[in-house]
């Protein structure tokens, strides 16, 4: 579906790509407070549940579905943009369990900036997508606008007994995705010249594929709820589902336990080839919170090689890398193959600047270039006084050595008391924590509650996942005098 007009970058005429121009969830919530509620039994779905469309009952077994969707250019090809916009609007009807009947085009066009021939191609692309859905396009509305916009208002219908909404999810339901995620990241990358249009081919096929098949499958499986995942992303739209349904949701991901038998390292041999091939990002945190374990160079070498082999990003959170007790830990940047490695550092630990959000990312030129394109769209720079303080902190190592020495002294105050009561220290080679074994016959939460009764606050291992049971974390953050009092309490209570 290619345009014939001279190449003109439509995405350059808008401040964001497609649904990235939507109002944020918090802003939208404020606006929707002003939408009057519908006190009419024929209204089956309105704005209250943030569903994909409105539903109005017209007979005992029939309901009309009404939706509207439009956005700025998401790709540079005009006909493809039109097809994506139309498919997106039609998807709202399918998400409600309905079939589209007819649509009206919605157009905002910057007169004198972009040729009307391109608008014609947009409308043609949209018409092709609508025709594939059996949906008639009966007209529309247009305005002269500063940025180009295109979309559709679509009317559909559904049987009232086969209606899908975002308010019907039940405990025990399984979340099923019918399309890949990540198209918004790719289209933003296109707008910022990180990738070319050829890199979008697979995403375009997904964005122009109708969701009628997914709708029929959902109805056949008697799905309890459905929603169309678009501009607010998976978490945003899932949030609407759980709030409207009065349930909670858990999104699973591959999480590897950190067992002491494996030196608190993930067992890479337990990962099969299929999982490696699907991996996009592999996050590690060494020196590790909560265990205080450090990663040997051989482990980092192997993981760096796997990242290059399977083309995933090895993201290393090294916030604690400068807080060690006896030997400095290794960094993922020491791996021989660093082509797919990115290391994240912060002043929050080495300089005790928690909350000031000053840090850096180190990696290959390709990775950092991509991050520079993405980062300005999701945040702002910290205040100038934070930036000035950060410059001083990054250029001074003496205060870091003093900090390390303070943590060493606190550790040395507590260790005799712990060992004297038979408490075994596990990991704990770095960070500001001690990872300790729970006494026999006691759970980590039970121990934490017992110590709390005597004025000591510790973290039970279960706070960090099921594999943390049997351990508890002791933070070396109080003053040395307070650590001395804590040691006395530990000797008395344990």
Protein backbone atom coordinates (compact mmCIF):
# COMPACT_ATOMS: atom_id res chain seq x y z
CA UNK A 1 0.00 0.00 0.00
CA UNK A 2 2.45 2.62 -1.21
CA UNK A 3 1.80 6.28 -2.08
CA UNK A 4 2.72 7.67 -5.48
CA UNK A 5 3.36 11.29 -4.43
CA UNK A 6 6.89 12.63 -3.87
CA UNK A 7 8.31 11.52 -0.55
CA UNK A 8 7.31 13.83 2.28
CA UNK A 9 7.79 12.89 5.91
CA UNK A 10 4.33 13.12 7.44
CA UNK A 11 5.66 12.27 10.90
CA UNK A 12 7.74 15.46 10.85
CA UNK A 13 4.54 17.55 10.98
CA UNK A 14 3.46 16.38 14.44
CA UNK A 15 4.98 16.58 17.91
CA UNK A 16 4.41 12.87 18.54
CA UNK A 17 3.79 9.70 16.58
CA UNK A 18 0.18 8.50 16.45
CA UNK A 19 -1.28 7.60 19.83
CA UNK A 20 1.77 9.13 21.52
CA UNK A 21 -0.14 12.43 21.12
CA UNK A 22 -3.01 11.24 23.32
CA UNK A 23 -3.69 12.98 26.60
CA UNK A 24 -2.04 11.13 29.47
CA UNK A 25 -4.12 8.96 31.78
CA UNK A 26 -3.99 11.44 34.67
CA UNK A 27 -4.91 14.40 32.45
CA UNK A 28 -7.71 12.41 30.84
CA UNK A 29 -9.10 11.41 34.23
CA UNK A 30 -9.43 15.11 35.12
CA UNK A 31 -11.21 15.86 31.85
CA UNK A 32 -13.61 12.94 32.13
CA UNK A 33 -14.84 14.23 35.48
CA UNK A 34 -16.82 16.76 33.45
CA UNK A 35 -18.58 14.18 31.27
CA UNK A 36 -22.15 13.77 32.57
CA UNK A 37 -23.18 10.27 33.60
CA UNK A 38 -25.88 8.52 31.59
CA UNK A 39 -28.90 7.61 33.70
CA UNK A 40 -30.70 5.60 31.05
CA UNK A 41 -31.22 1.82 31.13
CA UNK A 42 -30.60 1.65 27.38
CA UNK A 43 -27.00 2.81 27.90
CA UNK A 44 -25.05 -0.41 28.46
CA UNK A 45 -21.54 1.09 28.37
CA UNK A 46 -20.48 4.72 28.78
CA UNK A 47 -17.31 6.63 29.69
CA UNK A 48 -17.41 5.58 33.34
CA UNK A 49 -15.47 2.35 32.76
CA UNK A 50 -13.03 3.81 30.18
CA UNK A 51 -14.08 1.12 27.70
CA UNK A 52 -13.26 1.12 23.99
CA UNK A 53 -16.70 2.27 22.81
CA UNK A 54 -20.15 3.33 23.94
CA UNK A 55 -22.97 0.79 23.70
CA UNK A 56 -26.67 1.65 23.37
CA UNK A 57 -29.42 -0.97 23.40
CA UNK A 58 -32.02 -0.58 20.60
CA UNK A 59 -33.97 -3.83 21.07
CA UNK A 60 -33.97 -6.76 23.51
CA UNK A 61 -31.22 -8.54 21.56
CA UNK A 62 -29.47 -5.74 19.60
CA UNK A 63 -27.18 -2.90 20.63
CA UNK A 64 -25.40 -0.17 18.73
CA UNK A 65 -21.67 0.39 19.30
CA UNK A 66 -20.23 3.87 18.76
CA UNK A 67 -16.57 4.80 18.85
CA UNK A 68 -14.26 7.52 17.58
CA UNK A 69 -10.50 7.34 17.10
CA UNK A 70 -8.04 9.64 15.37
CA UNK A 71 -4.36 10.52 15.69
CA UNK A 72 -1.39 12.22 14.07
CA UNK A 73 0.80 10.44 11.46
CA UNK A 74 2.26 7.22 12.78
CA UNK A 75 4.19 6.43 9.58
CA UNK A 76 5.36 8.55 6.66
CA UNK A 77 3.41 6.78 3.93
CA UNK A 78 0.01 8.46 3.60
CA UNK A 79 -2.05 5.47 2.47
CA UNK A 80 -0.52 3.29 5.18
CA UNK A 81 -1.32 5.89 7.83
CA UNK A 82 -4.93 5.92 6.66
CA UNK A 83 -5.14 2.14 6.78
CA UNK A 84 -3.64 2.03 10.30
CA UNK A 85 -5.99 4.75 11.55
CA UNK A 86 -9.05 3.00 10.13
CA UNK A 87 -7.98 -0.39 11.49
CA UNK A 88 -7.46 1.18 14.88
CA UNK A 89 -10.96 2.68 14.95
CA UNK A 90 -12.56 -0.56 13.72
CA UNK A 91 -10.72 -2.48 16.45
CA UNK A 92 -12.74 -0.68 19.12
CA UNK A 93 -15.92 -2.23 17.71
CA UNK A 94 -14.36 -5.69 17.54
CA UNK A 95 -13.15 -5.31 21.13
CA UNK A 96 -16.79 -4.93 22.20
CA UNK A 97 -17.81 -8.14 20.42
CA UNK A 98 -19.47 -6.30 17.54
CA UNK A 99 -19.29 -5.89 13.79
CA UNK A 100 -18.78 -2.46 12.15
CA UNK A 101 -21.64 -1.09 10.02
CA UNK A 102 -20.48 2.29 8.74
CA UNK A 103 -17.93 5.01 9.46
CA UNK A 104 -17.32 8.74 9.05
CA UNK A 105 -13.86 10.14 8.37
CA UNK A 106 -12.35 12.72 10.74
CA UNK A 107 -9.73 15.02 9.20
CA UNK A 108 -7.50 17.79 10.51
CA UNK A 109 -5.22 19.07 7.75
CA UNK A 110 -2.64 21.92 7.74
CA UNK A 111 -3.70 23.83 4.64
CA UNK A 112 -0.74 25.05 2.64
CA UNK A 113 1.78 22.80 4.42
CA UNK A 114 0.90 19.37 3.09
CA UNK A 115 -0.60 18.76 -0.39
CA UNK A 116 -4.23 17.68 -0.48
CA UNK A 117 -3.16 14.85 -2.77
CA UNK A 118 -1.64 13.20 0.27
CA UNK A 119 -4.91 13.58 2.16
CA UNK A 120 -6.55 11.78 -0.75
CA UNK A 121 -4.13 8.91 -0.31
CA UNK A 122 -4.83 8.80 3.43
CA UNK A 123 -8.58 8.53 2.73
CA UNK A 124 -7.97 5.87 0.07
CA UNK A 125 -5.91 3.77 2.48
CA UNK A 126 -8.60 4.10 5.14
CA UNK A 127 -11.29 3.12 2.65
CA UNK A 128 -9.39 -0.02 1.68
CA UNK A 129 -9.18 -1.10 5.33
CA UNK A 130 -12.85 -0.32 5.93
CA UNK A 131 -13.88 -2.28 2.84
CA UNK A 132 -11.97 -5.31 4.09
CA UNK A 133 -14.06 -5.10 7.26
CA UNK A 134 -17.32 -4.79 5.31
CA UNK A 135 -17.74 -1.30 6.75
CA UNK A 136 -19.21 1.50 4.62
CA UNK A 137 -17.59 4.95 4.67
CA UNK A 138 -20.43 7.45 4.34
CA UNK A 139 -18.73 10.83 4.70
CA UNK A 140 -16.91 12.78 7.37
CA UNK A 141 -15.79 16.13 8.73
CA UNK A 142 -12.65 18.20 8.21
CA UNK A 143 -10.96 21.24 9.72
CA UNK A 144 -7.84 23.27 8.97
CA UNK A 145 -5.40 22.39 11.75
CA UNK A 146 -1.79 23.04 12.72
CA UNK A 147 -0.93 19.32 12.63
CA UNK A 148 -2.35 16.55 10.45
CA UNK A 149 -4.92 14.28 12.10
CA UNK A 150 -6.95 11.44 10.70
CA UNK A 151 -9.32 8.85 12.07
CA UNK A 152 -12.85 7.57 12.02
CA UNK A 153 -16.08 7.54 13.96
CA UNK A 154 -17.45 4.02 13.59
CA UNK A 155 -20.91 2.63 14.27
CA UNK A 156 -21.30 -1.10 14.79
CA UNK A 157 -23.75 -3.54 16.26
CA UNK A 158 -23.65 -6.52 18.60
CA UNK A 159 -26.00 -9.06 20.11
CA UNK A 160 -26.63 -8.05 23.70
CA UNK A 161 -25.87 -11.59 24.92
CA UNK A 162 -22.53 -11.63 23.11
CA UNK A 163 -21.28 -8.21 24.16
CA UNK A 164 -17.67 -7.94 25.35
CA UNK A 165 -16.65 -5.18 27.77
CA UNK A 166 -13.65 -4.36 29.92
CA UNK A 167 -15.75 -4.82 33.09
CA UNK A 168 -16.32 -8.58 32.99
CA UNK A 169 -12.92 -9.99 34.03
CA UNK A 170 -13.07 -12.61 36.81
CA UNK A 171 -10.52 -14.05 39.23
CA UNK A 172 -8.65 -16.89 37.55
CA UNK A 173 -9.04 -15.53 34.02
CA UNK A 174 -6.00 -15.77 31.75
CA UNK A 175 -4.79 -12.73 29.82
CA UNK A 176 -4.42 -13.49 26.09
CA UNK A 177 -2.64 -11.12 23.69
CA UNK A 178 -3.71 -11.40 20.06
CA UNK A 179 -1.01 -9.13 18.61
CA UNK A 180 2.62 -8.33 19.46
CA UNK A 181 3.37 -5.35 21.70
CA UNK A 182 5.87 -2.59 20.95
CA UNK A 183 4.57 -0.87 17.82
CA UNK A 184 4.54 2.49 19.62
CA UNK A 185 8.24 2.21 20.42
CA UNK A 186 9.03 1.45 16.78
CA UNK A 187 6.93 4.28 15.35
CA UNK A 188 8.50 6.77 17.78
CA UNK A 189 11.90 5.47 16.69
CA UNK A 190 10.90 6.13 13.06
CA UNK A 191 9.87 9.69 13.84
CA UNK A 192 13.23 10.30 15.54
CA UNK A 193 15.26 8.75 12.67
CA UNK A 194 16.50 5.84 14.75
CA UNK A 195 15.06 3.33 12.24
CA UNK A 196 13.81 3.48 8.65
CA UNK A 197 10.42 2.59 7.18
CA UNK A 198 11.71 -0.79 6.04
CA UNK A 199 12.31 -1.67 9.70
CA UNK A 200 8.60 -1.13 10.34
CA UNK A 201 7.33 -3.74 7.88
CA UNK A 202 6.31 -6.31 10.48
CA UNK A 203 4.75 -3.67 12.73
CA UNK A 204 2.75 -2.24 9.81
CA UNK A 205 1.40 -5.70 8.98
CA UNK A 206 0.24 -5.99 12.59
CA UNK A 207 -1.27 -2.49 12.72
CA UNK A 208 -3.22 -3.01 9.48
CA UNK A 209 -4.53 -6.49 10.36
CA UNK A 210 -8.19 -6.46 11.37
CA UNK A 211 -9.12 -7.86 14.76
CA UNK A 212 -12.25 -9.62 13.54
CA UNK A 213 -10.62 -13.03 13.91
CA UNK A 214 -9.59 -12.28 17.48
CA UNK A 215 -13.14 -11.13 18.23
CA UNK A 216 -14.66 -14.36 16.88
CA UNK A 217 -12.15 -16.41 18.85
CA UNK A 218 -12.99 -14.49 22.04
CA UNK A 219 -16.72 -15.04 21.57
CA UNK A 220 -16.21 -18.70 20.76
CA UNK A 221 -14.13 -19.15 23.92
CA UNK A 222 -16.80 -17.27 25.91
CA UNK A 223 -14.27 -14.68 27.07
CA UNK A 224 -15.41 -12.65 30.05
CA UNK A 225 -13.76 -9.37 29.06
CA UNK A 226 -11.79 -7.76 26.27
CA UNK A 227 -10.08 -4.49 25.40
CA UNK A 228 -8.11 -2.98 22.55
CA UNK A 229 -4.49 -2.26 23.56
CA UNK A 230 -3.39 0.96 21.83
CA UNK A 231 -2.10 4.33 23.01
CA UNK A 232 -2.04 3.69 26.76
CA UNK A 233 -0.05 0.49 26.33
CA UNK A 234 -0.66 -2.87 27.94
CA UNK A 235 -0.47 -1.61 31.53
CA UNK A 236 -2.69 1.40 30.89
CA UNK A 237 -5.49 -0.56 29.24
CA UNK A 238 -5.14 -3.47 31.67
CA UNK A 239 -5.51 -0.94 34.45
CA UNK A 240 -8.89 0.03 33.00
CA UNK A 241 -9.92 -3.63 32.93
CA UNK A 242 -9.02 -4.36 36.55
CA UNK A 243 -10.66 -1.19 37.85
CA UNK A 244 -13.84 -1.73 35.85
CA UNK A 245 -13.99 -5.41 36.82
CA UNK A 246 -12.99 -5.04 40.46
CA UNK A 247 -10.16 -7.57 40.17
CA UNK A 248 -6.37 -7.60 40.20
CA UNK A 249 -4.02 -8.80 37.47
CA UNK A 250 -0.58 -10.30 37.45
CA UNK A 251 1.67 -10.16 34.39
CA UNK A 252 4.18 -12.96 34.32
CA UNK A 253 7.71 -12.83 32.99
CA UNK A 254 10.72 -15.06 33.10
CA UNK A 255 12.17 -14.59 36.59
CA UNK A 256 15.13 -16.66 37.72
CA UNK A 257 15.59 -17.40 41.42
CA UNK A 258 18.91 -16.41 42.99
CA UNK A 259 19.89 -19.42 45.08
CA UNK A 260 22.81 -19.63 47.44
CA UNK A 261 23.73 -22.99 45.91
CA UNK A 262 24.52 -21.06 42.73
CA UNK A 263 26.25 -18.17 44.55
CA UNK A 264 23.10 -16.06 44.16
CA UNK A 265 23.55 -15.99 40.37
CA UNK A 266 20.80 -16.86 37.88
CA UNK A 267 21.19 -20.39 36.52
CA UNK A 268 21.78 -19.69 32.84
CA UNK A 269 21.83 -23.41 32.04
CA UNK A 270 18.17 -23.60 33.11
CA UNK A 271 17.16 -21.33 30.21
CA UNK A 272 16.18 -23.22 27.06
CA UNK A 273 17.00 -22.14 23.52
CA UNK A 274 13.45 -21.03 22.83
CA UNK A 275 13.49 -18.62 25.77
CA UNK A 276 16.84 -17.18 24.71
CA UNK A 277 15.46 -16.58 21.20
CA UNK A 278 12.48 -14.65 22.64
CA UNK A 279 14.50 -12.60 25.11
CA UNK A 280 14.64 -8.85 24.44
CA UNK A 281 16.17 -7.60 27.71
CA UNK A 282 17.99 -9.53 30.44
CA UNK A 283 18.23 -7.49 33.64
CA UNK A 284 20.84 -8.20 36.29
CA UNK A 285 21.73 -6.38 39.50
CA UNK A 286 25.26 -6.92 40.84
CA UNK A 287 26.38 -6.20 43.47
CA UNK A 288 22.96 -7.55 44.31
CA UNK A 289 20.25 -6.15 46.53
CA UNK A 290 19.28 -7.91 48.80
CA UNK A 291 21.92 -10.67 48.87
CA UNK A 292 25.06 -8.49 48.62
CA UNK A 293 26.45 -11.07 46.17
CA UNK A 294 28.85 -10.04 43.40
CA UNK A 295 29.07 -11.48 39.88
CA UNK A 296 32.34 -13.19 38.85
CA UNK A 297 33.92 -11.96 35.64
CA UNK A 298 33.41 -15.38 34.02
CA UNK A 299 29.64 -15.08 34.58
CA UNK A 300 29.55 -11.60 33.03
CA UNK A 301 31.69 -12.79 30.11
CA UNK A 302 29.28 -15.63 29.40
CA UNK A 303 26.20 -13.45 29.66
CA UNK A 304 27.74 -10.81 27.38
CA UNK A 305 28.43 -13.50 24.77
CA UNK A 306 24.86 -14.81 25.04
CA UNK A 307 23.51 -11.28 24.56
CA UNK A 308 25.50 -10.88 21.35
CA UNK A 309 24.59 -14.35 20.12
CA UNK A 310 20.84 -14.00 20.69
CA UNK A 311 20.62 -10.24 20.05
CA UNK A 312 19.14 -9.16 23.37
CA UNK A 313 20.13 -6.29 25.64
CA UNK A 314 22.05 -7.16 28.79
CA UNK A 315 20.98 -4.37 31.17
CA UNK A 316 23.18 -4.26 34.26
CA UNK A 317 21.96 -2.29 37.27
CA UNK A 318 25.27 -1.46 39.00
CA UNK A 319 24.02 1.06 41.53
CA UNK A 320 25.98 -0.64 44.33
CA UNK A 321 29.18 -1.33 42.40
CA UNK A 322 31.21 1.17 44.48
CA UNK A 323 30.00 -0.04 47.85
CA UNK A 324 32.13 -3.09 48.64
CA UNK A 325 33.80 -4.44 51.76
CA UNK A 326 37.02 -6.22 50.76
CA UNK A 327 37.46 -6.45 46.95
CA UNK A 328 35.96 -4.21 44.24
CA UNK A 329 33.36 -6.09 42.16
CA UNK A 330 33.49 -6.63 38.42
CA UNK A 331 31.35 -4.65 35.98
CA UNK A 332 29.45 -6.01 32.98
CA UNK A 333 31.50 -3.55 30.92
CA UNK A 334 34.53 -5.78 31.55
CA UNK A 335 33.01 -8.47 29.31
CA UNK A 336 34.99 -9.02 26.13
CA UNK A 337 31.88 -8.60 23.96
CA UNK A 338 30.12 -5.44 25.15
CA UNK A 339 28.14 -4.83 21.96
CA UNK A 340 24.80 -5.63 23.65
CA UNK A 341 25.63 -4.46 27.18
CA UNK A 342 24.29 -1.34 28.91
CA UNK A 343 25.33 -0.45 32.46
CA UNK A 344 23.20 1.81 34.66
CA UNK A 345 24.85 3.81 37.44
CA UNK A 346 23.55 6.31 39.96
CA UNK A 347 24.70 8.66 42.67
CA UNK A 348 21.99 7.45 45.03
CA UNK A 349 24.25 4.83 46.63
CA UNK A 350 27.85 5.94 46.14
CA UNK A 351 27.09 9.53 47.15
CA UNK A 352 23.98 9.01 49.28
CA UNK A 353 21.94 11.16 46.88
CA UNK A 354 18.82 9.01 46.93
CA UNK A 355 15.86 10.74 45.30
CA UNK A 356 17.87 13.23 43.27
CA UNK A 357 17.78 10.98 40.18
CA UNK A 358 21.26 11.60 38.88
CA UNK A 359 23.07 8.84 37.05
CA UNK A 360 24.42 7.65 33.74
CA UNK A 361 24.17 4.82 31.25
CA UNK A 362 27.26 3.37 29.58
CA UNK A 363 27.18 1.14 26.52
CA UNK A 364 27.88 0.91 22.81
CA UNK A 365 27.43 3.92 20.54
CA UNK A 366 24.39 2.27 18.95
CA UNK A 367 22.64 1.69 22.28
CA UNK A 368 23.38 5.14 23.67
CA UNK A 369 22.27 6.82 20.43
CA UNK A 370 18.94 5.02 20.66
CA UNK A 371 18.56 6.02 24.32
CA UNK A 372 19.28 9.66 23.48
CA UNK A 373 16.40 9.58 21.00
CA UNK A 374 14.00 7.94 23.46
CA UNK A 375 14.84 9.56 26.79
CA UNK A 376 13.60 13.13 26.11
CA UNK A 377 10.09 11.79 25.43
CA UNK A 378 9.64 10.19 28.86
CA UNK A 379 11.09 12.59 31.41
CA UNK A 380 12.79 15.85 32.24
CA UNK A 381 16.21 16.83 33.50
CA UNK A 382 16.69 17.29 37.26
CA UNK A 383 16.96 20.77 38.78
CA UNK A 384 20.09 22.77 38.09
CA UNK A 385 21.33 22.54 41.72
CA UNK A 386 21.14 18.72 41.44
CA UNK A 387 23.14 18.78 38.21
CA UNK A 388 25.81 21.02 39.76
CA UNK A 389 26.04 18.82 42.85
CA UNK A 390 26.26 15.76 40.62
CA UNK A 391 29.23 17.15 38.72
CA UNK A 392 31.07 17.62 42.00
CA UNK A 393 30.10 14.16 43.28
CA UNK A 394 31.14 12.30 40.11
CA UNK A 395 34.53 13.98 40.22
CA UNK A 396 35.29 13.20 43.85
CA UNK A 397 36.33 9.70 44.98
CA UNK A 398 37.41 10.56 48.51
CA UNK A 399 33.86 10.77 49.83
CA UNK A 400 33.10 7.38 48.26
CA UNK A 401 36.02 5.77 50.10
CA UNK A 402 34.84 7.39 53.34
CA UNK A 403 31.37 5.96 52.74
CA UNK A 404 32.80 2.50 52.16
CA UNK A 405 34.80 2.73 55.36
CA UNK A 406 31.73 3.78 57.36
CA UNK A 407 29.80 0.75 56.09
CA UNK A 408 32.75 -1.52 56.91
CA UNK A 409 32.81 -0.25 60.49
CA UNK A 410 29.07 -0.77 60.91
CA UNK A 411 29.38 -4.28 59.51
CA UNK A 412 32.22 -5.05 61.91
CA UNK A 413 30.08 -3.87 64.83
CA UNK A 414 27.21 -6.21 63.94
CA UNK A 415 29.04 -9.33 62.74
CA UNK A 416 30.35 -10.48 66.17
CA UNK A 417 26.87 -10.24 67.66
CA UNK A 418 25.33 -12.17 64.77
CA UNK A 419 27.95 -14.89 64.66
CA UNK A 420 27.90 -15.18 68.42
CA UNK A 421 24.22 -16.13 68.18
CA UNK A 422 24.89 -18.65 65.40
CA UNK A 423 23.55 -16.49 62.56
CA UNK A 424 25.29 -17.39 59.29
CA UNK A 425 26.18 -14.63 56.83
CA UNK A 426 25.40 -15.46 53.18
CA UNK A 427 26.58 -13.38 50.22
CA UNK A 428 27.19 -9.92 51.70
CA UNK A 429 30.40 -9.15 49.80
CA UNK A 430 29.16 -5.69 48.80
CA UNK A 431 26.28 -3.17 49.03
CA UNK A 432 25.05 -1.65 52.30
CA UNK A 433 23.26 -4.81 53.41
CA UNK A 434 23.92 -8.07 55.21
CA UNK A 435 22.04 -11.14 53.92
CA UNK A 436 21.59 -13.50 56.83
CA UNK A 437 20.24 -16.98 57.37
CA UNK A 438 17.12 -17.29 59.50
CA UNK A 439 17.53 -19.38 62.69
CA UNK A 440 16.26 -22.95 62.42
CA UNK A 441 12.54 -23.44 62.84
CA UNK A 442 11.57 -19.83 62.15
CA UNK A 443 10.23 -18.11 59.05
CA UNK A 444 11.71 -14.86 57.77
CA UNK A 445 8.52 -12.87 58.40
CA UNK A 446 8.16 -14.38 61.86
CA UNK A 447 11.72 -13.35 62.71
CA UNK A 448 11.16 -9.82 61.35
CA UNK A 449 8.04 -9.42 63.50
CA UNK A 450 9.89 -10.69 66.59
CA UNK A 451 12.74 -8.21 66.07
CA UNK A 452 10.28 -5.39 65.41
CA UNK A 453 8.81 -5.94 68.88
CA UNK A 454 12.25 -5.01 70.24
CA UNK A 455 12.66 -1.94 68.04
CA UNK A 456 14.68 -3.43 65.17
CA UNK A 457 13.43 -3.09 61.60
CA UNK A 458 14.72 -5.74 59.17
CA UNK A 459 13.41 -7.06 55.85
CA UNK A 460 12.19 -10.67 55.67
CA UNK A 461 13.53 -12.58 52.69
CA UNK A 462 10.02 -13.21 51.35
CA UNK A 463 9.76 -9.49 50.59
CA UNK A 464 12.12 -10.20 47.69
CA UNK A 465 10.39 -13.28 46.31
CA UNK A 466 9.72 -16.85 47.32
CA UNK A 467 13.38 -17.85 46.97
CA UNK A 468 14.19 -15.35 49.72
CA UNK A 469 12.54 -17.49 52.39
CA UNK A 470 15.10 -18.65 54.92
CA UNK A 471 16.98 -15.33 54.86
CA UNK A 472 16.60 -11.80 56.20
CA UNK A 473 18.22 -8.51 55.19
CA UNK A 474 19.86 -6.15 57.66
CA UNK A 475 20.58 -2.64 56.35
CA UNK A 476 23.70 -0.80 57.50
CA UNK A 477 22.03 2.61 57.28
CA UNK A 478 21.71 3.64 60.98
CA UNK A 479 24.55 5.49 62.68
CA UNK A 480 27.43 3.54 64.23
CA UNK A 481 26.03 4.22 67.69
CA UNK A 482 22.65 2.87 66.62
CA UNK A 483 24.37 -0.20 65.14
CA UNK A 484 26.01 -0.80 68.53
CA UNK A 485 22.61 -0.69 70.24
CA UNK A 486 21.23 -3.00 67.52
CA UNK A 487 24.05 -5.47 68.22
CA UNK A 488 23.10 -5.51 71.90
CA UNK A 489 19.46 -6.21 71.03
CA UNK A 490 20.44 -8.98 68.60
CA UNK A 491 22.59 -10.66 71.26
CA UNK A 492 19.69 -10.54 73.69
CA UNK A 493 16.84 -11.55 71.36
CA UNK A 494 18.30 -14.11 68.95
